[in-house]
Amino acid sequence: ALTSERKKEIFTEFGGSEKNTGSAEGQVAMLTERISELTGHLKKAKKDKNTTLSLLKMVGRRKRLLRYIMTNDIQKYRDLIKKLNLRK
């Protein structure tokens, strides 16, 4: 689980301030952090189906948020993708 300090760091870096938890960029960064943690867990526990389902839901939510950012501001989208290393 993410600590509250780490969440504040993420929202400060991507959302502009630690209180701006509703920004799409901050939410994408938070989901990316949680997805990477769950991926590490699932490498050890392959039969954990509940976590697999949660991971797939998070990936879908992140995908929708990224699509929203892309339609509104393509430059923000490109910067975010580059910062988070999402596309290879």
N, C-alpha and C. Protein backbone atom coordinates (compact mmCIF):
# COMPACT_ATOMS: atom_id res chain seq x y z
N ALA A 1 0.84 -1.19 0.00
CA ALA A 1 0.00 0.00 0.00
C ALA A 1 0.88 1.24 0.00
N LEU A 2 0.37 2.29 -0.61
CA LEU A 2 1.11 3.55 -0.67
C LEU A 2 0.94 4.31 0.64
N THR A 3 2.02 4.90 1.10
CA THR A 3 1.94 5.71 2.30
C THR A 3 1.38 7.08 1.94
N SER A 4 0.88 7.79 2.94
CA SER A 4 0.31 9.11 2.66
C SER A 4 1.38 10.09 2.21
N GLU A 5 2.62 9.91 2.68
CA GLU A 5 3.70 10.79 2.25
C GLU A 5 3.99 10.58 0.76
N ARG A 6 3.99 9.33 0.33
CA ARG A 6 4.25 9.02 -1.08
C ARG A 6 3.14 9.58 -1.97
N LYS A 7 1.88 9.48 -1.49
CA LYS A 7 0.77 10.02 -2.25
C LYS A 7 0.91 11.53 -2.40
N LYS A 8 1.31 12.20 -1.32
CA LYS A 8 1.50 13.65 -1.38
C LYS A 8 2.60 14.01 -2.37
N GLU A 9 3.68 13.23 -2.38
CA GLU A 9 4.77 13.47 -3.33
C GLU A 9 4.27 13.34 -4.77
N ILE A 10 3.50 12.30 -5.02
CA ILE A 10 2.99 12.05 -6.37
C ILE A 10 2.09 13.19 -6.83
N PHE A 11 1.16 13.61 -5.96
CA PHE A 11 0.24 14.67 -6.36
C PHE A 11 0.94 16.02 -6.45
N THR A 12 1.99 16.22 -5.65
CA THR A 12 2.74 17.46 -5.77
C THR A 12 3.48 17.51 -7.10
N GLU A 13 4.06 16.38 -7.49
CA GLU A 13 4.82 16.33 -8.74
C GLU A 13 3.93 16.41 -9.97
N PHE A 14 2.83 15.68 -9.97
CA PHE A 14 2.02 15.58 -11.18
C PHE A 14 0.75 16.43 -11.14
N GLY A 15 0.19 16.67 -9.96
CA GLY A 15 -1.07 17.41 -9.88
C GLY A 15 -0.90 18.89 -9.62
N GLY A 16 0.28 19.32 -9.25
CA GLY A 16 0.52 20.72 -8.98
C GLY A 16 0.63 21.01 -7.50
N SER A 17 -0.23 20.42 -6.69
CA SER A 17 -0.15 20.56 -5.23
C SER A 17 -0.64 19.27 -4.60
N GLU A 18 -0.32 19.09 -3.33
CA GLU A 18 -0.71 17.83 -2.68
C GLU A 18 -2.21 17.76 -2.45
N LYS A 19 -2.90 18.88 -2.48
CA LYS A 19 -4.35 18.89 -2.27
C LYS A 19 -5.13 18.69 -3.57
N ASN A 20 -4.44 18.76 -4.70
CA ASN A 20 -5.09 18.61 -5.99
C ASN A 20 -5.17 17.13 -6.38
N THR A 21 -5.96 16.38 -5.62
CA THR A 21 -6.05 14.94 -5.86
C THR A 21 -6.99 14.60 -7.00
N GLY A 22 -7.73 15.56 -7.52
CA GLY A 22 -8.67 15.29 -8.59
C GLY A 22 -8.10 15.45 -9.98
N SER A 23 -6.87 15.94 -10.08
CA SER A 23 -6.30 16.14 -11.41
C SER A 23 -6.09 14.80 -12.09
N ALA A 24 -6.36 14.77 -13.38
CA ALA A 24 -6.24 13.53 -14.12
C ALA A 24 -4.79 13.06 -14.17
N GLU A 25 -3.85 14.00 -14.28
CA GLU A 25 -2.43 13.62 -14.32
C GLU A 25 -2.00 12.97 -13.00
N GLY A 26 -2.44 13.53 -11.89
CA GLY A 26 -2.12 12.95 -10.58
C GLY A 26 -2.72 11.58 -10.40
N GLN A 27 -3.95 11.41 -10.87
CA GLN A 27 -4.61 10.11 -10.75
C GLN A 27 -3.91 9.06 -11.60
N VAL A 28 -3.47 9.44 -12.79
CA VAL A 28 -2.75 8.50 -13.65
C VAL A 28 -1.44 8.09 -12.98
N ALA A 29 -0.74 9.05 -12.39
CA ALA A 29 0.52 8.74 -11.71
C ALA A 29 0.28 7.82 -10.52
N MET A 30 -0.78 8.06 -9.76
CA MET A 30 -1.11 7.23 -8.61
C MET A 30 -1.45 5.80 -9.07
N LEU A 31 -2.25 5.70 -10.12
CA LEU A 31 -2.61 4.37 -10.63
C LEU A 31 -1.38 3.64 -11.15
N THR A 32 -0.47 4.36 -11.79
CA THR A 32 0.74 3.73 -12.31
C THR A 32 1.58 3.17 -11.16
N GLU A 33 1.67 3.91 -10.08
CA GLU A 33 2.42 3.45 -8.90
C GLU A 33 1.79 2.18 -8.32
N ARG A 34 0.47 2.20 -8.18
CA ARG A 34 -0.23 1.04 -7.62
C ARG A 34 -0.15 -0.16 -8.55
N ILE A 35 -0.23 0.08 -9.86
CA ILE A 35 -0.14 -1.01 -10.83
C ILE A 35 1.22 -1.68 -10.76
N SER A 36 2.27 -0.89 -10.63
CA SER A 36 3.61 -1.48 -10.55
C SER A 36 3.78 -2.30 -9.27
N GLU A 37 3.19 -1.85 -8.17
CA GLU A 37 3.25 -2.64 -6.93
C GLU A 37 2.51 -3.96 -7.08
N LEU A 38 1.30 -3.91 -7.65
CA LEU A 38 0.52 -5.13 -7.81
C LEU A 38 1.17 -6.10 -8.80
N THR A 39 1.83 -5.58 -9.80
CA THR A 39 2.51 -6.44 -10.76
C THR A 39 3.61 -7.23 -10.07
N GLY A 40 4.35 -6.55 -9.19
CA GLY A 40 5.38 -7.25 -8.42
C GLY A 40 4.80 -8.32 -7.52
N HIS A 41 3.65 -8.03 -6.91
CA HIS A 41 3.00 -9.01 -6.05
C HIS A 41 2.52 -10.22 -6.85
N LEU A 42 1.98 -9.95 -8.04
CA LEU A 42 1.43 -11.05 -8.83
C LEU A 42 2.51 -11.94 -9.43
N LYS A 43 3.73 -11.45 -9.52
CA LYS A 43 4.82 -12.31 -9.98
C LYS A 43 5.11 -13.40 -8.97
N LYS A 44 4.87 -13.09 -7.69
CA LYS A 44 5.09 -14.08 -6.63
C LYS A 44 3.86 -14.95 -6.41
N ALA A 45 2.68 -14.34 -6.44
CA ALA A 45 1.44 -15.05 -6.14
C ALA A 45 0.59 -15.13 -7.41
N LYS A 46 0.88 -16.10 -8.24
CA LYS A 46 0.24 -16.19 -9.54
C LYS A 46 -1.24 -16.56 -9.46
N LYS A 47 -1.65 -17.21 -8.40
CA LYS A 47 -3.04 -17.67 -8.31
C LYS A 47 -3.96 -16.69 -7.58
N ASP A 48 -3.48 -15.51 -7.29
CA ASP A 48 -4.27 -14.50 -6.59
C ASP A 48 -5.22 -13.83 -7.58
N LYS A 49 -6.40 -14.39 -7.74
CA LYS A 49 -7.34 -13.94 -8.77
C LYS A 49 -7.98 -12.60 -8.40
N ASN A 50 -8.21 -12.35 -7.11
CA ASN A 50 -8.82 -11.08 -6.71
C ASN A 50 -7.90 -9.91 -7.04
N THR A 51 -6.61 -10.08 -6.80
CA THR A 51 -5.66 -9.02 -7.11
C THR A 51 -5.53 -8.84 -8.61
N THR A 52 -5.61 -9.94 -9.35
CA THR A 52 -5.57 -9.85 -10.81
C THR A 52 -6.73 -9.02 -11.34
N LEU A 53 -7.92 -9.25 -10.79
CA LEU A 53 -9.09 -8.50 -11.21
C LEU A 53 -8.93 -7.02 -10.87
N SER A 54 -8.43 -6.73 -9.67
CA SER A 54 -8.20 -5.34 -9.27
C SER A 54 -7.18 -4.66 -10.19
N LEU A 55 -6.15 -5.39 -10.55
CA LEU A 55 -5.13 -4.85 -11.44
C LEU A 55 -5.73 -4.51 -12.80
N LEU A 56 -6.55 -5.38 -13.34
CA LEU A 56 -7.16 -5.13 -14.64
C LEU A 56 -8.10 -3.92 -14.59
N LYS A 57 -8.81 -3.76 -13.48
CA LYS A 57 -9.69 -2.59 -13.32
C LYS A 57 -8.87 -1.31 -13.28
N MET A 58 -7.74 -1.34 -12.58
CA MET A 58 -6.89 -0.15 -12.48
C MET A 58 -6.29 0.20 -13.84
N VAL A 59 -5.88 -0.81 -14.60
CA VAL A 59 -5.32 -0.56 -15.92
C VAL A 59 -6.38 0.07 -16.82
N GLY A 60 -7.61 -0.40 -16.74
CA GLY A 60 -8.69 0.18 -17.53
C GLY A 60 -8.99 1.61 -17.14
N ARG A 61 -8.99 1.89 -15.85
CA ARG A 61 -9.23 3.25 -15.38
C ARG A 61 -8.12 4.19 -15.85
N ARG A 62 -6.88 3.72 -15.76
CA ARG A 62 -5.75 4.54 -16.21
C ARG A 62 -5.85 4.80 -17.71
N LYS A 63 -6.26 3.79 -18.45
CA LYS A 63 -6.41 3.93 -19.91
C LYS A 63 -7.46 4.99 -20.25
N ARG A 64 -8.59 4.98 -19.53
CA ARG A 64 -9.63 5.97 -19.77
C ARG A 64 -9.16 7.37 -19.41
N LEU A 65 -8.44 7.51 -18.30
CA LEU A 65 -7.92 8.82 -17.91
C LEU A 65 -6.91 9.34 -18.93
N LEU A 66 -6.06 8.45 -19.42
CA LEU A 66 -5.08 8.86 -20.43
C LEU A 66 -5.77 9.29 -21.72
N ARG A 67 -6.84 8.63 -22.09
CA ARG A 67 -7.60 9.01 -23.28
C ARG A 67 -8.22 10.40 -23.08
N TYR A 68 -8.72 10.66 -21.87
CA TYR A 68 -9.29 11.97 -21.54
C TYR A 68 -8.23 13.07 -21.66
N ILE A 69 -7.05 12.81 -21.11
CA ILE A 69 -5.96 13.80 -21.17
C ILE A 69 -5.55 14.03 -22.62
N MET A 70 -5.49 12.95 -23.40
CA MET A 70 -5.06 13.06 -24.79
C MET A 70 -6.05 13.90 -25.61
N THR A 71 -7.34 13.74 -25.38
CA THR A 71 -8.31 14.50 -26.16
C THR A 71 -8.32 15.97 -25.76
N ASN A 72 -8.00 16.28 -24.51
CA ASN A 72 -8.03 17.68 -24.06
C ASN A 72 -6.73 18.42 -24.30
N ASP A 73 -5.59 17.78 -24.08
CA ASP A 73 -4.31 18.47 -24.24
C ASP A 73 -3.24 17.44 -24.60
N ILE A 74 -2.92 17.38 -25.88
CA ILE A 74 -1.99 16.36 -26.38
C ILE A 74 -0.59 16.54 -25.82
N GLN A 75 -0.18 17.79 -25.58
CA GLN A 75 1.17 18.02 -25.06
C GLN A 75 1.30 17.52 -23.63
N LYS A 76 0.27 17.74 -22.79
CA LYS A 76 0.29 17.21 -21.42
C LYS A 76 0.36 15.68 -21.45
N TYR A 77 -0.37 15.09 -22.39
CA TYR A 77 -0.38 13.64 -22.54
C TYR A 77 1.02 13.12 -22.88
N ARG A 78 1.67 13.76 -23.84
CA ARG A 78 3.01 13.33 -24.24
C ARG A 78 4.02 13.49 -23.10
N ASP A 79 3.92 14.61 -22.37
CA ASP A 79 4.82 14.82 -21.23
C ASP A 79 4.60 13.78 -20.14
N LEU A 80 3.34 13.47 -19.88
CA LEU A 80 3.01 12.50 -18.84
C LEU A 80 3.50 11.10 -19.20
N ILE A 81 3.30 10.71 -20.46
CA ILE A 81 3.76 9.41 -20.92
C ILE A 81 5.28 9.31 -20.78
N LYS A 82 5.97 10.39 -21.12
CA LYS A 82 7.43 10.39 -21.04
C LYS A 82 7.90 10.32 -19.59
N LYS A 83 7.24 11.07 -18.69
CA LYS A 83 7.63 11.08 -17.27
C LYS A 83 7.42 9.73 -16.61
N LEU A 84 6.31 9.08 -16.95
CA LEU A 84 5.95 7.82 -16.30
C LEU A 84 6.52 6.59 -17.00
N ASN A 85 7.15 6.79 -18.15
CA ASN A 85 7.71 5.66 -18.92
C ASN A 85 6.65 4.62 -19.26
N LEU A 86 5.51 5.07 -19.78
CA LEU A 86 4.43 4.12 -20.07
C LEU A 86 4.57 3.48 -21.44
N ARG A 87 4.99 4.22 -22.44
CA ARG A 87 5.15 3.65 -23.76
C ARG A 87 6.63 3.40 -24.02
N LYS A 88 6.91 2.30 -24.67
CA LYS A 88 8.30 1.97 -24.97
C LYS A 88 8.66 2.41 -26.35
